[in-house]
Amino acid sequence: MKIADIVKNDDKGKLINVNLDIKNPNRKGEFEYREPAELAKSIIEREKDIFSLMKEIEKEIKIALSYEG
């Protein structure tokens, strides 16, 4: 998508219109409804994965710092 397709200027470069109705071409698709319990479970699982990764990063930082000092 080109900016010229969204923003319109007059001959002097003055802004005259911005088209905000254009749909995002990168959108993956329509909204998918999920049950609240399923959504909550999914979020909790992702958070657990993130927490696990953060613990690994923390461990690696502590190891790296112990070699420096």
N, C-alpha and C. Protein backbone atom coordinates (compact mmCIF):
# COMPACT_ATOMS: atom_id res chain seq x y z
N MET A 1 0.84 -1.17 0.00
CA MET A 1 0.00 0.00 0.00
C MET A 1 0.89 1.23 0.00
N LYS A 2 0.59 2.15 -0.86
CA LYS A 2 1.36 3.37 -0.98
C LYS A 2 0.69 4.49 -0.18
N ILE A 3 1.51 5.37 0.38
CA ILE A 3 0.98 6.48 1.16
C ILE A 3 0.08 7.36 0.31
N ALA A 4 0.38 7.44 -0.98
CA ALA A 4 -0.44 8.27 -1.88
C ALA A 4 -1.86 7.72 -2.00
N ASP A 5 -2.05 6.44 -1.71
CA ASP A 5 -3.39 5.85 -1.74
C ASP A 5 -4.22 6.25 -0.51
N ILE A 6 -3.54 6.68 0.52
CA ILE A 6 -4.21 7.01 1.78
C ILE A 6 -4.31 8.52 1.99
N VAL A 7 -3.22 9.22 1.72
CA VAL A 7 -3.14 10.65 1.97
C VAL A 7 -3.26 11.40 0.65
N LYS A 8 -4.15 12.36 0.61
CA LYS A 8 -4.33 13.19 -0.59
C LYS A 8 -3.94 14.62 -0.27
N ASN A 9 -3.08 15.18 -1.13
CA ASN A 9 -2.65 16.56 -1.00
C ASN A 9 -3.06 17.33 -2.24
N ASP A 10 -3.20 18.67 -2.08
CA ASP A 10 -3.48 19.49 -3.26
C ASP A 10 -2.18 19.79 -3.98
N ASP A 11 -2.24 20.62 -5.01
CA ASP A 11 -1.06 20.93 -5.82
C ASP A 11 0.05 21.61 -5.04
N LYS A 12 -0.32 22.27 -3.95
CA LYS A 12 0.67 22.99 -3.14
C LYS A 12 1.22 22.11 -2.01
N GLY A 13 0.76 20.87 -1.92
CA GLY A 13 1.23 19.97 -0.89
C GLY A 13 0.41 20.01 0.39
N LYS A 14 -0.63 20.81 0.39
CA LYS A 14 -1.48 20.92 1.57
C LYS A 14 -2.38 19.69 1.69
N LEU A 15 -2.44 19.15 2.88
CA LEU A 15 -3.27 17.97 3.13
C LEU A 15 -4.74 18.30 2.93
N ILE A 16 -5.42 17.48 2.11
CA ILE A 16 -6.84 17.73 1.89
C ILE A 16 -7.71 16.55 2.34
N ASN A 17 -7.12 15.34 2.42
CA ASN A 17 -7.94 14.19 2.81
C ASN A 17 -7.04 13.04 3.25
N VAL A 18 -7.54 12.25 4.21
CA VAL A 18 -6.88 11.01 4.63
C VAL A 18 -7.95 9.93 4.63
N ASN A 19 -7.72 8.88 3.86
CA ASN A 19 -8.69 7.78 3.75
C ASN A 19 -8.38 6.72 4.81
N LEU A 20 -9.18 6.69 5.86
CA LEU A 20 -8.98 5.72 6.94
C LEU A 20 -9.86 4.48 6.77
N ASP A 21 -10.55 4.39 5.64
CA ASP A 21 -11.44 3.25 5.39
C ASP A 21 -10.73 2.07 4.75
N ILE A 22 -9.49 2.24 4.36
CA ILE A 22 -8.75 1.16 3.71
C ILE A 22 -8.43 0.07 4.73
N LYS A 23 -8.70 -1.16 4.35
CA LYS A 23 -8.48 -2.30 5.24
C LYS A 23 -7.01 -2.69 5.25
N ASN A 24 -6.55 -3.23 6.37
CA ASN A 24 -5.18 -3.69 6.53
C ASN A 24 -4.96 -4.92 5.65
N PRO A 25 -4.07 -4.85 4.67
CA PRO A 25 -3.83 -6.01 3.80
C PRO A 25 -3.10 -7.15 4.49
N ASN A 26 -2.50 -6.87 5.65
CA ASN A 26 -1.76 -7.90 6.38
C ASN A 26 -2.60 -8.63 7.42
N ARG A 27 -3.83 -8.24 7.53
CA ARG A 27 -4.72 -8.88 8.52
C ARG A 27 -4.89 -10.35 8.18
N LYS A 28 -4.84 -11.18 9.18
CA LYS A 28 -4.88 -12.63 8.97
C LYS A 28 -6.26 -13.16 8.63
N GLY A 29 -7.28 -12.49 9.01
CA GLY A 29 -8.62 -12.98 8.72
C GLY A 29 -9.63 -12.38 9.66
N GLU A 30 -10.81 -12.92 9.61
CA GLU A 30 -11.88 -12.43 10.46
C GLU A 30 -11.65 -12.83 11.91
N PHE A 31 -12.29 -12.11 12.79
CA PHE A 31 -12.20 -12.38 14.22
C PHE A 31 -12.76 -13.76 14.53
N GLU A 32 -12.04 -14.50 15.34
CA GLU A 32 -12.49 -15.84 15.73
C GLU A 32 -12.94 -15.80 17.19
N TYR A 33 -14.21 -16.10 17.43
CA TYR A 33 -14.73 -16.10 18.79
C TYR A 33 -14.22 -17.32 19.53
N ARG A 34 -13.78 -17.12 20.76
CA ARG A 34 -13.36 -18.23 21.62
C ARG A 34 -14.08 -18.08 22.95
N GLU A 35 -14.42 -19.19 23.53
CA GLU A 35 -15.08 -19.19 24.84
C GLU A 35 -14.15 -18.54 25.86
N PRO A 36 -14.69 -17.78 26.81
CA PRO A 36 -13.85 -17.11 27.80
C PRO A 36 -12.93 -18.05 28.56
N ALA A 37 -13.42 -19.21 28.95
CA ALA A 37 -12.57 -20.16 29.69
C ALA A 37 -11.42 -20.65 28.82
N GLU A 38 -11.69 -20.90 27.55
CA GLU A 38 -10.65 -21.35 26.63
C GLU A 38 -9.61 -20.25 26.42
N LEU A 39 -10.10 -19.03 26.28
CA LEU A 39 -9.21 -17.89 26.09
C LEU A 39 -8.32 -17.69 27.33
N ALA A 40 -8.91 -17.77 28.51
CA ALA A 40 -8.15 -17.62 29.75
C ALA A 40 -7.09 -18.71 29.87
N LYS A 41 -7.46 -19.94 29.54
CA LYS A 41 -6.51 -21.05 29.61
C LYS A 41 -5.34 -20.82 28.66
N SER A 42 -5.65 -20.36 27.45
CA SER A 42 -4.62 -20.09 26.46
C SER A 42 -3.66 -19.00 26.94
N ILE A 43 -4.21 -17.95 27.51
CA ILE A 43 -3.38 -16.85 28.01
C ILE A 43 -2.49 -17.34 29.15
N ILE A 44 -3.03 -18.13 30.05
CA ILE A 44 -2.24 -18.65 31.17
C ILE A 44 -1.10 -19.53 30.67
N GLU A 45 -1.37 -20.37 29.68
CA GLU A 45 -0.32 -21.23 29.12
C GLU A 45 0.79 -20.39 28.48
N ARG A 46 0.41 -19.37 27.76
CA ARG A 46 1.42 -18.49 27.16
C ARG A 46 2.25 -17.79 28.23
N GLU A 47 1.58 -17.33 29.26
CA GLU A 47 2.28 -16.65 30.35
C GLU A 47 3.25 -17.61 31.06
N LYS A 48 2.86 -18.86 31.21
CA LYS A 48 3.75 -19.86 31.81
C LYS A 48 4.98 -20.05 30.95
N ASP A 49 4.78 -20.11 29.63
CA ASP A 49 5.91 -20.24 28.71
C ASP A 49 6.84 -19.03 28.81
N ILE A 50 6.25 -17.85 28.85
CA ILE A 50 7.04 -16.63 28.97
C ILE A 50 7.82 -16.62 30.28
N PHE A 51 7.16 -17.01 31.37
CA PHE A 51 7.83 -17.04 32.67
C PHE A 51 9.01 -18.01 32.65
N SER A 52 8.81 -19.17 32.04
CA SER A 52 9.88 -20.16 31.94
C SER A 52 11.07 -19.60 31.15
N LEU A 53 10.78 -18.94 30.05
CA LEU A 53 11.85 -18.34 29.25
C LEU A 53 12.56 -17.24 30.02
N MET A 54 11.81 -16.45 30.77
CA MET A 54 12.44 -15.40 31.56
C MET A 54 13.33 -15.97 32.65
N LYS A 55 12.93 -17.09 33.23
CA LYS A 55 13.77 -17.75 34.25
C LYS A 55 15.08 -18.24 33.60
N GLU A 56 14.99 -18.78 32.39
CA GLU A 56 16.20 -19.23 31.69
C GLU A 56 17.12 -18.05 31.39
N ILE A 57 16.54 -16.94 30.96
CA ILE A 57 17.33 -15.75 30.67
C ILE A 57 17.99 -15.24 31.95
N GLU A 58 17.23 -15.21 33.03
CA GLU A 58 17.77 -14.77 34.31
C GLU A 58 18.96 -15.65 34.73
N LYS A 59 18.81 -16.95 34.56
CA LYS A 59 19.88 -17.90 34.90
C LYS A 59 21.13 -17.63 34.06
N GLU A 60 20.95 -17.41 32.76
CA GLU A 60 22.08 -17.15 31.88
C GLU A 60 22.77 -15.83 32.23
N ILE A 61 22.00 -14.84 32.62
CA ILE A 61 22.58 -13.56 33.02
C ILE A 61 23.41 -13.73 34.28
N LYS A 62 22.88 -14.47 35.25
CA LYS A 62 23.63 -14.71 36.49
C LYS A 62 24.93 -15.45 36.21
N ILE A 63 24.88 -16.44 35.31
CA ILE A 63 26.10 -17.18 34.94
C ILE A 63 27.10 -16.23 34.29
N ALA A 64 26.63 -15.41 33.35
CA ALA A 64 27.52 -14.48 32.65
C ALA A 64 28.14 -13.48 33.63
N LEU A 65 27.34 -12.98 34.56
CA LEU A 65 27.86 -12.01 35.52
C LEU A 65 28.84 -12.64 36.49
N SER A 66 28.67 -13.93 36.80
CA SER A 66 29.60 -14.58 37.72
C SER A 66 30.98 -14.74 37.09
N TYR A 67 31.03 -14.85 35.76
CA TYR A 67 32.34 -14.94 35.08
C TYR A 67 33.03 -13.60 35.00
N GLU A 68 32.27 -12.51 35.02
CA GLU A 68 32.85 -11.18 34.93
C GLU A 68 33.45 -10.73 36.26
N GLY A 69 32.83 -11.15 37.34
CA GLY A 69 33.25 -10.66 38.65
C GLY A 69 34.17 -11.60 39.29
